[in-house]
Amino acid sequence: MQSSLGRVVIVAVALAGGAEAAPGQAVATFAGGCFWCMEGPFEKLPGVLSATSGYTGGQKAHPTYGEVSAGTTGHAEAVQVVYDPAKLSYEQLLDVFWRNIDPLTPNAQFCDHGSQYRSAIYFQDEAQREAALASRKRIEASGRFKQPIVTEIVAASTFYRAEEYHQDFYKTNPVRYQSYRQGCGRDRRLRQLWGEDAGSHP
């Protein structure tokens, strides 16, 4: 059952142009650096209905890509995932998230640096908060990393949908997407961090 916090956040998301969850659906929000690279890992999962690129966690209403990428608004590039919890659990989404990010580097992901590229889990309600904390604790307890995990786990705030040319960029501009992804060293770093468990592009 979703808490009142979760309901308030979903309403705010809808008003800001994000994807609205219908009855029987749920919302999850993640920041993992460039949002072009975070849509695909979620969209290929059975039970995911949409993954929307956007901005969250900042101060300015309705920020533009130029403003966010300049690091002047406090937002992070993020993806908002709408999914069917009867087919896919939030814990499964968390597993995909972790294995597609570098959780050890603050205010950066791969070749992109600045707080706008920080990694974060934005929980919609208490159940998501507890699940996110538990997932981080499991990774810490595994002994995989000697460095501390710096990924933020914070309450969701208004999510602003990014400009249309950013949506499904990996599908609409595959050559440019692959060039960026390879040039940024994303897959190489993911393999260093996660080995065979590393996430990959679609």
N, C-alpha and C. Protein backbone atom coordinates (compact mmCIF):
# COMPACT_ATOMS: atom_id res chain seq x y z
N MET A 1 0.85 -1.20 0.00
CA MET A 1 0.00 0.00 0.00
C MET A 1 0.88 1.24 0.00
N GLN A 2 0.56 2.21 -0.83
CA GLN A 2 1.40 3.38 -0.97
C GLN A 2 1.06 4.40 0.10
N SER A 3 2.10 5.03 0.67
CA SER A 3 1.88 6.02 1.70
C SER A 3 1.41 7.33 1.11
N SER A 4 1.00 8.27 1.99
CA SER A 4 0.56 9.58 1.51
C SER A 4 1.68 10.32 0.83
N LEU A 5 2.95 10.13 1.31
CA LEU A 5 4.09 10.75 0.65
C LEU A 5 4.17 10.32 -0.80
N GLY A 6 4.01 9.03 -1.05
CA GLY A 6 4.06 8.53 -2.41
C GLY A 6 2.99 9.14 -3.28
N ARG A 7 1.78 9.30 -2.74
CA ARG A 7 0.69 9.87 -3.53
C ARG A 7 0.98 11.33 -3.86
N VAL A 8 1.50 12.09 -2.90
CA VAL A 8 1.79 13.49 -3.15
C VAL A 8 2.85 13.63 -4.23
N VAL A 9 3.88 12.81 -4.17
CA VAL A 9 4.96 12.88 -5.15
C VAL A 9 4.45 12.56 -6.54
N ILE A 10 3.63 11.54 -6.67
CA ILE A 10 3.11 11.16 -7.98
C ILE A 10 2.27 12.29 -8.58
N VAL A 11 1.47 12.97 -7.76
CA VAL A 11 0.69 14.10 -8.26
C VAL A 11 1.62 15.19 -8.75
N ALA A 12 2.67 15.50 -7.98
CA ALA A 12 3.61 16.53 -8.39
C ALA A 12 4.29 16.17 -9.70
N VAL A 13 4.64 14.90 -9.84
CA VAL A 13 5.26 14.42 -11.06
C VAL A 13 4.35 14.64 -12.26
N ALA A 14 3.09 14.31 -12.09
CA ALA A 14 2.15 14.46 -13.19
C ALA A 14 2.02 15.92 -13.60
N LEU A 15 1.96 16.83 -12.62
CA LEU A 15 1.82 18.24 -12.93
C LEU A 15 3.04 18.80 -13.64
N ALA A 16 4.20 18.20 -13.40
CA ALA A 16 5.43 18.70 -14.01
C ALA A 16 5.68 18.10 -15.38
N GLY A 17 4.79 17.28 -15.87
CA GLY A 17 4.96 16.72 -17.20
C GLY A 17 5.60 15.36 -17.21
N GLY A 18 5.72 14.73 -16.05
CA GLY A 18 6.26 13.38 -16.01
C GLY A 18 5.19 12.37 -16.35
N ALA A 19 5.55 11.10 -16.28
CA ALA A 19 4.60 10.04 -16.58
C ALA A 19 3.74 9.76 -15.36
N GLU A 20 2.46 9.80 -15.52
CA GLU A 20 1.54 9.59 -14.41
C GLU A 20 1.21 8.10 -14.29
N ALA A 21 1.25 7.59 -13.06
CA ALA A 21 0.94 6.19 -12.82
C ALA A 21 -0.56 6.01 -12.70
N ALA A 22 -1.09 5.07 -13.46
CA ALA A 22 -2.50 4.73 -13.39
C ALA A 22 -2.73 3.75 -12.25
N PRO A 23 -3.97 3.50 -11.88
CA PRO A 23 -4.23 2.49 -10.85
C PRO A 23 -3.58 1.15 -11.21
N GLY A 24 -2.94 0.54 -10.24
CA GLY A 24 -2.25 -0.72 -10.48
C GLY A 24 -0.84 -0.57 -11.00
N GLN A 25 -0.39 0.68 -11.17
CA GLN A 25 0.97 0.95 -11.61
C GLN A 25 1.74 1.65 -10.50
N ALA A 26 3.06 1.69 -10.62
CA ALA A 26 3.91 2.35 -9.63
C ALA A 26 5.00 3.13 -10.34
N VAL A 27 5.62 4.06 -9.60
CA VAL A 27 6.66 4.93 -10.14
C VAL A 27 7.95 4.74 -9.35
N ALA A 28 9.06 4.73 -10.06
CA ALA A 28 10.38 4.70 -9.45
C ALA A 28 11.25 5.73 -10.16
N THR A 29 12.10 6.42 -9.42
CA THR A 29 12.94 7.46 -10.01
C THR A 29 14.39 7.24 -9.62
N PHE A 30 15.27 7.27 -10.65
CA PHE A 30 16.69 6.99 -10.44
C PHE A 30 17.53 8.00 -11.22
N ALA A 31 18.67 8.37 -10.64
CA ALA A 31 19.66 9.19 -11.33
C ALA A 31 20.93 8.38 -11.47
N GLY A 32 21.41 8.26 -12.70
CA GLY A 32 22.61 7.46 -12.94
C GLY A 32 23.50 8.09 -14.00
N GLY A 33 23.64 9.41 -13.91
CA GLY A 33 24.42 10.10 -14.94
C GLY A 33 23.57 10.38 -16.16
N CYS A 34 24.17 10.40 -17.31
CA CYS A 34 23.46 10.73 -18.55
C CYS A 34 22.20 9.90 -18.71
N PHE A 35 21.07 10.57 -18.80
CA PHE A 35 19.80 9.82 -18.86
C PHE A 35 19.63 9.05 -20.16
N TRP A 36 20.36 9.41 -21.21
CA TRP A 36 20.30 8.62 -22.44
C TRP A 36 20.63 7.16 -22.16
N CYS A 37 21.58 6.95 -21.24
CA CYS A 37 22.09 5.60 -20.98
C CYS A 37 21.28 4.84 -19.93
N MET A 38 20.32 5.50 -19.30
CA MET A 38 19.58 4.84 -18.22
C MET A 38 18.18 4.40 -18.64
N GLU A 39 17.69 4.89 -19.77
CA GLU A 39 16.36 4.47 -20.21
C GLU A 39 16.34 3.00 -20.64
N GLY A 40 17.28 2.63 -21.51
CA GLY A 40 17.28 1.30 -22.09
C GLY A 40 17.31 0.15 -21.10
N PRO A 41 18.19 0.20 -20.08
CA PRO A 41 18.24 -0.91 -19.13
C PRO A 41 16.91 -1.18 -18.44
N PHE A 42 16.10 -0.15 -18.25
CA PHE A 42 14.79 -0.34 -17.63
C PHE A 42 13.72 -0.70 -18.65
N GLU A 43 13.76 -0.06 -19.81
CA GLU A 43 12.71 -0.30 -20.80
C GLU A 43 12.68 -1.74 -21.31
N LYS A 44 13.80 -2.42 -21.25
CA LYS A 44 13.81 -3.80 -21.75
C LYS A 44 13.27 -4.80 -20.75
N LEU A 45 12.95 -4.36 -19.54
CA LEU A 45 12.46 -5.27 -18.50
C LEU A 45 10.97 -5.54 -18.68
N PRO A 46 10.54 -6.80 -18.68
CA PRO A 46 9.11 -7.10 -18.69
C PRO A 46 8.45 -6.51 -17.45
N GLY A 47 7.38 -5.78 -17.67
CA GLY A 47 6.70 -5.13 -16.56
C GLY A 47 6.93 -3.64 -16.50
N VAL A 48 7.97 -3.15 -17.19
CA VAL A 48 8.19 -1.70 -17.28
C VAL A 48 7.33 -1.14 -18.40
N LEU A 49 6.56 -0.13 -18.08
CA LEU A 49 5.65 0.48 -19.05
C LEU A 49 6.27 1.68 -19.75
N SER A 50 7.15 2.40 -19.04
CA SER A 50 7.83 3.54 -19.66
C SER A 50 9.02 3.94 -18.82
N ALA A 51 9.99 4.56 -19.47
CA ALA A 51 11.13 5.17 -18.79
C ALA A 51 11.32 6.54 -19.42
N THR A 52 11.18 7.58 -18.63
CA THR A 52 11.18 8.95 -19.12
C THR A 52 12.39 9.70 -18.62
N SER A 53 13.11 10.36 -19.52
CA SER A 53 14.25 11.18 -19.13
C SER A 53 13.76 12.51 -18.59
N GLY A 54 14.45 12.99 -17.55
CA GLY A 54 14.05 14.27 -16.99
C GLY A 54 15.02 14.76 -15.94
N TYR A 55 14.54 15.73 -15.16
CA TYR A 55 15.37 16.39 -14.17
C TYR A 55 14.64 16.40 -12.82
N THR A 56 15.39 16.19 -11.74
CA THR A 56 14.77 16.20 -10.42
C THR A 56 15.81 16.56 -9.38
N GLY A 57 15.34 16.92 -8.19
CA GLY A 57 16.23 17.19 -7.07
C GLY A 57 16.81 18.58 -7.03
N GLY A 58 16.26 19.51 -7.82
CA GLY A 58 16.79 20.87 -7.86
C GLY A 58 15.83 21.91 -7.33
N GLN A 59 16.19 23.16 -7.54
CA GLN A 59 15.39 24.26 -6.99
C GLN A 59 14.53 24.98 -8.03
N LYS A 60 14.96 25.06 -9.27
CA LYS A 60 14.26 25.85 -10.27
C LYS A 60 13.11 25.07 -10.89
N ALA A 61 11.97 25.71 -11.04
CA ALA A 61 10.84 25.06 -11.70
C ALA A 61 11.07 25.03 -13.20
N HIS A 62 10.70 23.92 -13.81
CA HIS A 62 10.76 23.74 -15.26
C HIS A 62 12.13 24.10 -15.84
N PRO A 63 13.17 23.46 -15.37
CA PRO A 63 14.50 23.77 -15.90
C PRO A 63 14.67 23.25 -17.32
N THR A 64 15.58 23.87 -18.05
CA THR A 64 15.91 23.41 -19.39
C THR A 64 17.16 22.55 -19.33
N TYR A 65 17.42 21.82 -20.41
CA TYR A 65 18.62 21.00 -20.47
C TYR A 65 19.88 21.86 -20.32
N GLY A 66 19.88 23.00 -20.98
CA GLY A 66 21.04 23.89 -20.89
C GLY A 66 21.32 24.32 -19.47
N GLU A 67 20.27 24.63 -18.72
CA GLU A 67 20.43 25.06 -17.34
C GLU A 67 20.93 23.92 -16.45
N VAL A 68 20.33 22.74 -16.64
CA VAL A 68 20.73 21.60 -15.80
C VAL A 68 22.17 21.18 -16.12
N SER A 69 22.49 21.10 -17.41
CA SER A 69 23.83 20.65 -17.79
C SER A 69 24.90 21.65 -17.37
N ALA A 70 24.52 22.91 -17.17
CA ALA A 70 25.46 23.91 -16.69
C ALA A 70 25.66 23.81 -15.18
N GLY A 71 24.83 23.02 -14.52
CA GLY A 71 24.97 22.81 -13.09
C GLY A 71 24.47 23.96 -12.24
N THR A 72 23.54 24.76 -12.77
CA THR A 72 23.10 25.96 -12.05
C THR A 72 21.78 25.79 -11.31
N THR A 73 21.10 24.65 -11.47
CA THR A 73 19.76 24.52 -10.89
C THR A 73 19.68 23.53 -9.73
N GLY A 74 20.72 22.75 -9.52
CA GLY A 74 20.70 21.74 -8.47
C GLY A 74 20.05 20.43 -8.86
N HIS A 75 19.52 20.34 -10.08
CA HIS A 75 18.88 19.10 -10.53
C HIS A 75 19.90 18.05 -10.93
N ALA A 76 19.45 16.81 -10.93
CA ALA A 76 20.21 15.71 -11.51
C ALA A 76 19.47 15.21 -12.74
N GLU A 77 20.22 14.78 -13.75
CA GLU A 77 19.58 14.05 -14.85
C GLU A 77 19.07 12.73 -14.27
N ALA A 78 17.85 12.37 -14.60
CA ALA A 78 17.24 11.19 -13.98
C ALA A 78 16.28 10.52 -14.95
N VAL A 79 15.87 9.32 -14.60
CA VAL A 79 14.82 8.63 -15.35
C VAL A 79 13.70 8.27 -14.39
N GLN A 80 12.49 8.43 -14.87
CA GLN A 80 11.30 8.06 -14.11
C GLN A 80 10.69 6.82 -14.76
N VAL A 81 10.60 5.77 -13.99
CA VAL A 81 10.13 4.48 -14.49
C VAL A 81 8.72 4.22 -13.99
N VAL A 82 7.81 3.95 -14.91
CA VAL A 82 6.46 3.50 -14.55
C VAL A 82 6.40 2.01 -14.83
N TYR A 83 5.96 1.24 -13.84
CA TYR A 83 6.00 -0.21 -13.98
C TYR A 83 4.79 -0.86 -13.33
N ASP A 84 4.59 -2.12 -13.67
CA ASP A 84 3.51 -2.91 -13.11
C ASP A 84 4.07 -3.75 -11.96
N PRO A 85 3.77 -3.42 -10.71
CA PRO A 85 4.35 -4.16 -9.59
C PRO A 85 3.86 -5.60 -9.48
N ALA A 86 2.84 -5.95 -10.25
CA ALA A 86 2.40 -7.35 -10.28
C ALA A 86 3.33 -8.20 -11.14
N LYS A 87 4.13 -7.54 -12.00
CA LYS A 87 5.03 -8.26 -12.90
C LYS A 87 6.50 -8.03 -12.56
N LEU A 88 6.78 -6.96 -11.84
CA LEU A 88 8.16 -6.57 -11.59
C LEU A 88 8.23 -5.86 -10.25
N SER A 89 9.17 -6.25 -9.42
CA SER A 89 9.26 -5.65 -8.09
C SER A 89 10.19 -4.44 -8.10
N TYR A 90 10.02 -3.59 -7.11
CA TYR A 90 10.92 -2.45 -6.95
C TYR A 90 12.34 -2.93 -6.67
N GLU A 91 12.47 -4.02 -5.95
CA GLU A 91 13.78 -4.58 -5.67
C GLU A 91 14.50 -5.00 -6.95
N GLN A 92 13.77 -5.51 -7.93
CA GLN A 92 14.38 -5.86 -9.21
C GLN A 92 14.85 -4.61 -9.95
N LEU A 93 14.09 -3.54 -9.87
CA LEU A 93 14.52 -2.28 -10.48
C LEU A 93 15.79 -1.77 -9.81
N LEU A 94 15.86 -1.90 -8.50
CA LEU A 94 17.07 -1.49 -7.78
C LEU A 94 18.29 -2.27 -8.26
N ASP A 95 18.13 -3.57 -8.45
CA ASP A 95 19.24 -4.39 -8.93
C ASP A 95 19.75 -3.89 -10.28
N VAL A 96 18.84 -3.57 -11.17
CA VAL A 96 19.22 -3.05 -12.49
C VAL A 96 19.91 -1.70 -12.35
N PHE A 97 19.35 -0.86 -11.50
CA PHE A 97 19.95 0.46 -11.29
C PHE A 97 21.40 0.36 -10.85
N TRP A 98 21.65 -0.37 -9.78
CA TRP A 98 23.01 -0.43 -9.24
C TRP A 98 24.01 -0.89 -10.28
N ARG A 99 23.65 -1.87 -11.08
CA ARG A 99 24.60 -2.46 -12.01
C ARG A 99 24.76 -1.67 -13.30
N ASN A 100 24.11 -0.51 -13.34
CA ASN A 100 24.28 0.39 -14.47
C ASN A 100 24.89 1.73 -14.06
N ILE A 101 25.40 1.79 -12.83
CA ILE A 101 26.02 3.03 -12.37
C ILE A 101 27.37 2.75 -11.72
N ASP A 102 28.12 3.82 -11.51
CA ASP A 102 29.32 3.81 -10.68
C ASP A 102 28.90 4.39 -9.33
N PRO A 103 28.76 3.56 -8.30
CA PRO A 103 28.27 4.05 -7.00
C PRO A 103 29.37 4.62 -6.11
N LEU A 104 30.59 4.69 -6.62
CA LEU A 104 31.73 5.07 -5.79
C LEU A 104 32.21 6.49 -6.01
N THR A 105 31.78 7.13 -7.09
CA THR A 105 32.29 8.45 -7.46
C THR A 105 31.25 9.52 -7.18
N PRO A 106 31.53 10.47 -6.30
CA PRO A 106 30.54 11.52 -6.00
C PRO A 106 30.46 12.56 -7.11
N ASN A 107 29.25 13.01 -7.38
CA ASN A 107 29.01 14.11 -8.33
C ASN A 107 29.65 13.88 -9.68
N ALA A 108 29.53 12.66 -10.16
CA ALA A 108 30.04 12.31 -11.49
C ALA A 108 29.56 10.91 -11.84
N GLN A 109 29.48 10.65 -13.14
CA GLN A 109 29.27 9.32 -13.65
C GLN A 109 30.09 9.20 -14.93
N PHE A 110 31.12 8.34 -14.87
CA PHE A 110 31.94 8.06 -16.04
C PHE A 110 32.61 9.35 -16.51
N CYS A 111 32.42 9.78 -17.74
CA CYS A 111 33.13 10.97 -18.22
C CYS A 111 32.41 12.28 -17.88
N ASP A 112 31.23 12.19 -17.31
CA ASP A 112 30.44 13.39 -16.99
C ASP A 112 30.63 13.78 -15.53
N HIS A 113 31.00 15.03 -15.31
CA HIS A 113 31.30 15.49 -13.96
C HIS A 113 30.44 16.70 -13.59
N GLY A 114 30.08 16.76 -12.32
CA GLY A 114 29.21 17.81 -11.82
C GLY A 114 28.05 17.19 -11.05
N SER A 115 27.46 17.95 -10.14
CA SER A 115 26.38 17.41 -9.32
C SER A 115 25.17 17.00 -10.14
N GLN A 116 25.03 17.55 -11.35
CA GLN A 116 23.91 17.17 -12.21
C GLN A 116 24.03 15.73 -12.70
N TYR A 117 25.20 15.11 -12.51
CA TYR A 117 25.42 13.72 -12.92
C TYR A 117 25.60 12.80 -11.70
N ARG A 118 25.19 13.26 -10.53
CA ARG A 118 25.29 12.42 -9.34
C ARG A 118 24.37 11.21 -9.46
N SER A 119 24.74 10.15 -8.76
CA SER A 119 23.86 8.98 -8.73
C SER A 119 22.95 9.08 -7.51
N ALA A 120 21.69 8.69 -7.69
CA ALA A 120 20.73 8.82 -6.60
C ALA A 120 19.53 7.92 -6.83
N ILE A 121 18.95 7.50 -5.73
CA ILE A 121 17.66 6.81 -5.72
C ILE A 121 16.68 7.74 -5.04
N TYR A 122 15.61 8.09 -5.75
CA TYR A 122 14.60 9.00 -5.20
C TYR A 122 13.37 8.18 -4.81
N PHE A 123 13.21 7.95 -3.52
CA PHE A 123 12.12 7.08 -3.08
C PHE A 123 10.79 7.83 -3.03
N GLN A 124 9.73 7.11 -3.40
CA GLN A 124 8.39 7.68 -3.45
C GLN A 124 7.63 7.51 -2.13
N ASP A 125 8.03 6.52 -1.34
CA ASP A 125 7.34 6.27 -0.08
C ASP A 125 8.28 5.51 0.85
N GLU A 126 7.80 5.20 2.04
CA GLU A 126 8.63 4.56 3.03
C GLU A 126 9.08 3.16 2.59
N ALA A 127 8.21 2.45 1.91
CA ALA A 127 8.57 1.11 1.45
C ALA A 127 9.74 1.17 0.47
N GLN A 128 9.71 2.13 -0.45
CA GLN A 128 10.83 2.29 -1.38
C GLN A 128 12.10 2.72 -0.65
N ARG A 129 11.97 3.59 0.33
CA ARG A 129 13.15 4.02 1.10
C ARG A 129 13.81 2.82 1.78
N GLU A 130 13.00 2.00 2.43
CA GLU A 130 13.55 0.84 3.14
C GLU A 130 14.19 -0.15 2.17
N ALA A 131 13.54 -0.34 1.02
CA ALA A 131 14.10 -1.26 0.02
C ALA A 131 15.43 -0.74 -0.53
N ALA A 132 15.50 0.57 -0.77
CA ALA A 132 16.73 1.17 -1.29
C ALA A 132 17.87 1.05 -0.27
N LEU A 133 17.57 1.35 0.98
CA LEU A 133 18.59 1.24 2.02
C LEU A 133 19.07 -0.20 2.17
N ALA A 134 18.14 -1.14 2.11
CA ALA A 134 18.49 -2.55 2.23
C ALA A 134 19.37 -3.00 1.06
N SER A 135 19.06 -2.52 -0.13
CA SER A 135 19.86 -2.91 -1.30
C SER A 135 21.27 -2.37 -1.19
N ARG A 136 21.41 -1.14 -0.71
CA ARG A 136 22.75 -0.58 -0.52
C ARG A 136 23.53 -1.36 0.55
N LYS A 137 22.83 -1.71 1.61
CA LYS A 137 23.47 -2.46 2.69
C LYS A 137 23.97 -3.81 2.20
N ARG A 138 23.19 -4.47 1.33
CA ARG A 138 23.62 -5.77 0.79
C ARG A 138 24.89 -5.63 -0.03
N ILE A 139 24.97 -4.58 -0.82
CA ILE A 139 26.17 -4.37 -1.63
C ILE A 139 27.36 -4.08 -0.73
N GLU A 140 27.17 -3.25 0.28
CA GLU A 140 28.25 -2.96 1.22
C GLU A 140 28.73 -4.22 1.93
N ALA A 141 27.78 -5.06 2.33
CA ALA A 141 28.12 -6.28 3.07
C ALA A 141 28.77 -7.32 2.19
N SER A 142 28.59 -7.21 0.88
CA SER A 142 29.16 -8.21 -0.04
C SER A 142 30.68 -8.14 -0.11
N GLY A 143 31.25 -7.00 0.26
CA GLY A 143 32.69 -6.83 0.19
C GLY A 143 33.21 -6.57 -1.21
N ARG A 144 32.31 -6.32 -2.15
CA ARG A 144 32.74 -6.08 -3.54
C ARG A 144 33.61 -4.83 -3.65
N PHE A 145 33.26 -3.80 -2.90
CA PHE A 145 33.96 -2.52 -3.02
C PHE A 145 34.70 -2.18 -1.72
N LYS A 146 35.91 -1.66 -1.88
CA LYS A 146 36.66 -1.18 -0.72
C LYS A 146 36.31 0.28 -0.41
N GLN A 147 35.90 1.02 -1.43
CA GLN A 147 35.51 2.41 -1.24
C GLN A 147 34.06 2.49 -0.78
N PRO A 148 33.69 3.57 -0.10
CA PRO A 148 32.30 3.72 0.34
C PRO A 148 31.37 4.02 -0.84
N ILE A 149 30.14 3.57 -0.72
CA ILE A 149 29.11 3.88 -1.71
C ILE A 149 28.59 5.29 -1.43
N VAL A 150 28.59 6.12 -2.46
CA VAL A 150 28.19 7.53 -2.27
C VAL A 150 26.85 7.85 -2.92
N THR A 151 26.20 6.88 -3.52
CA THR A 151 24.90 7.10 -4.15
C THR A 151 23.89 7.60 -3.11
N GLU A 152 23.21 8.69 -3.43
CA GLU A 152 22.24 9.27 -2.51
C GLU A 152 20.94 8.46 -2.50
N ILE A 153 20.32 8.39 -1.34
CA ILE A 153 18.98 7.83 -1.21
C ILE A 153 18.15 8.91 -0.53
N VAL A 154 17.31 9.58 -1.31
CA VAL A 154 16.59 10.76 -0.83
C VAL A 154 15.14 10.74 -1.30
N ALA A 155 14.31 11.50 -0.62
CA ALA A 155 12.89 11.56 -0.98
C ALA A 155 12.72 12.18 -2.37
N ALA A 156 11.80 11.64 -3.12
CA ALA A 156 11.50 12.17 -4.46
C ALA A 156 10.90 13.56 -4.35
N SER A 157 11.26 14.39 -5.30
CA SER A 157 10.65 15.71 -5.45
C SER A 157 10.12 15.81 -6.87
N THR A 158 9.70 16.98 -7.26
CA THR A 158 9.08 17.14 -8.58
C THR A 158 10.03 16.70 -9.69
N PHE A 159 9.50 15.89 -10.58
CA PHE A 159 10.24 15.40 -11.73
C PHE A 159 9.78 16.17 -12.96
N TYR A 160 10.73 16.77 -13.67
CA TYR A 160 10.42 17.54 -14.88
C TYR A 160 10.87 16.76 -16.11
N ARG A 161 9.94 16.49 -16.98
CA ARG A 161 10.25 15.75 -18.20
C ARG A 161 11.22 16.55 -19.06
N ALA A 162 12.25 15.90 -19.56
CA ALA A 162 13.23 16.55 -20.42
C ALA A 162 12.64 16.81 -21.81
N GLU A 163 13.33 17.61 -22.56
CA GLU A 163 12.92 17.94 -23.92
C GLU A 163 12.75 16.67 -24.75
N GLU A 164 11.85 16.74 -25.73
CA GLU A 164 11.47 15.53 -26.47
C GLU A 164 12.64 14.87 -27.19
N TYR A 165 13.62 15.64 -27.64
CA TYR A 165 14.71 15.01 -28.39
C TYR A 165 15.58 14.13 -27.50
N HIS A 166 15.43 14.25 -26.18
CA HIS A 166 16.17 13.37 -25.27
C HIS A 166 15.46 12.03 -25.05
N GLN A 167 14.16 11.99 -25.28
CA GLN A 167 13.40 10.77 -24.98
C GLN A 167 13.78 9.65 -25.96
N ASP A 168 14.08 8.48 -25.40
CA ASP A 168 14.47 7.32 -26.22
C ASP A 168 15.59 7.66 -27.20
N PHE A 169 16.55 8.44 -26.72
CA PHE A 169 17.63 8.87 -27.60
C PHE A 169 18.41 7.69 -28.16
N TYR A 170 18.54 6.63 -27.37
CA TYR A 170 19.29 5.46 -27.83
C TYR A 170 18.60 4.76 -29.00
N LYS A 171 17.31 5.01 -29.17
CA LYS A 171 16.57 4.45 -30.30
C LYS A 171 16.55 5.41 -31.49
N THR A 172 16.37 6.69 -31.22
CA THR A 172 16.20 7.66 -32.30
C THR A 172 17.52 8.13 -32.89
N ASN A 173 18.60 8.05 -32.10
CA ASN A 173 19.92 8.46 -32.57
C ASN A 173 20.96 7.41 -32.18
N PRO A 174 20.82 6.19 -32.69
CA PRO A 174 21.68 5.09 -32.21
C PRO A 174 23.17 5.30 -32.48
N VAL A 175 23.53 5.90 -33.59
CA VAL A 175 24.95 6.09 -33.90
C VAL A 175 25.56 7.09 -32.91
N ARG A 176 24.90 8.20 -32.73
CA ARG A 176 25.42 9.20 -31.79
C ARG A 176 25.43 8.66 -30.37
N TYR A 177 24.40 7.90 -30.02
CA TYR A 177 24.32 7.31 -28.69
C TYR A 177 25.49 6.36 -28.44
N GLN A 178 25.74 5.46 -29.36
CA GLN A 178 26.81 4.50 -29.18
C GLN A 178 28.17 5.19 -29.15
N SER A 179 28.33 6.22 -29.96
CA SER A 179 29.58 6.97 -29.97
C SER A 179 29.81 7.63 -28.62
N TYR A 180 28.76 8.23 -28.08
CA TYR A 180 28.88 8.87 -26.76
C TYR A 180 29.18 7.83 -25.68
N ARG A 181 28.43 6.75 -25.69
CA ARG A 181 28.57 5.74 -24.64
C ARG A 181 29.98 5.14 -24.63
N GLN A 182 30.48 4.80 -25.80
CA GLN A 182 31.81 4.21 -25.89
C GLN A 182 32.88 5.23 -25.54
N GLY A 183 32.71 6.45 -26.04
CA GLY A 183 33.69 7.49 -25.76
C GLY A 183 33.75 7.86 -24.29
N CYS A 184 32.63 7.70 -23.61
CA CYS A 184 32.55 8.05 -22.19
C CYS A 184 33.13 6.94 -21.31
N GLY A 185 33.38 5.77 -21.88
CA GLY A 185 33.95 4.67 -21.12
C GLY A 185 32.98 4.02 -20.15
N ARG A 186 31.70 4.15 -20.43
CA ARG A 186 30.70 3.65 -19.50
C ARG A 186 30.76 2.13 -19.33
N ASP A 187 30.75 1.41 -20.42
CA ASP A 187 30.74 -0.05 -20.32
C ASP A 187 32.05 -0.59 -19.75
N ARG A 188 33.14 0.03 -20.08
CA ARG A 188 34.43 -0.40 -19.53
C ARG A 188 34.45 -0.25 -18.00
N ARG A 189 33.98 0.87 -17.52
CA ARG A 189 33.94 1.10 -16.08
C ARG A 189 32.94 0.19 -15.39
N LEU A 190 31.81 -0.05 -16.01
CA LEU A 190 30.82 -0.95 -15.42
C LEU A 190 31.39 -2.36 -15.26
N ARG A 191 32.15 -2.80 -16.25
CA ARG A 191 32.76 -4.14 -16.15
C ARG A 191 33.80 -4.18 -15.04
N GLN A 192 34.53 -3.08 -14.87
CA GLN A 192 35.50 -3.02 -13.78
C GLN A 192 34.80 -3.13 -12.42
N LEU A 193 33.67 -2.48 -12.30
CA LEU A 193 32.96 -2.44 -11.03
C LEU A 193 32.17 -3.71 -10.74
N TRP A 194 31.47 -4.22 -11.75
CA TRP A 194 30.48 -5.27 -11.53
C TRP A 194 30.81 -6.60 -12.18
N GLY A 195 31.86 -6.65 -12.98
CA GLY A 195 32.22 -7.91 -13.62
C GLY A 195 31.11 -8.42 -14.53
N GLU A 196 30.81 -9.71 -14.42
CA GLU A 196 29.78 -10.32 -15.26
C GLU A 196 28.38 -9.80 -14.94
N ASP A 197 28.21 -9.18 -13.79
CA ASP A 197 26.90 -8.64 -13.41
C ASP A 197 26.65 -7.25 -13.96
N ALA A 198 27.62 -6.69 -14.66
CA ALA A 198 27.51 -5.31 -15.14
C ALA A 198 26.32 -5.15 -16.07
N GLY A 199 25.68 -4.00 -15.98
CA GLY A 199 24.61 -3.67 -16.90
C GLY A 199 25.17 -3.40 -18.29
N SER A 200 24.29 -3.39 -19.26
CA SER A 200 24.73 -3.15 -20.63
C SER A 200 23.65 -2.40 -21.38
N HIS A 201 24.03 -1.80 -22.49
CA HIS A 201 23.05 -1.09 -23.31
C HIS A 201 22.20 -2.10 -24.07
N PRO A 202 21.00 -1.68 -24.49
CA PRO A 202 20.11 -2.61 -25.20
C PRO A 202 20.73 -3.15 -26.50
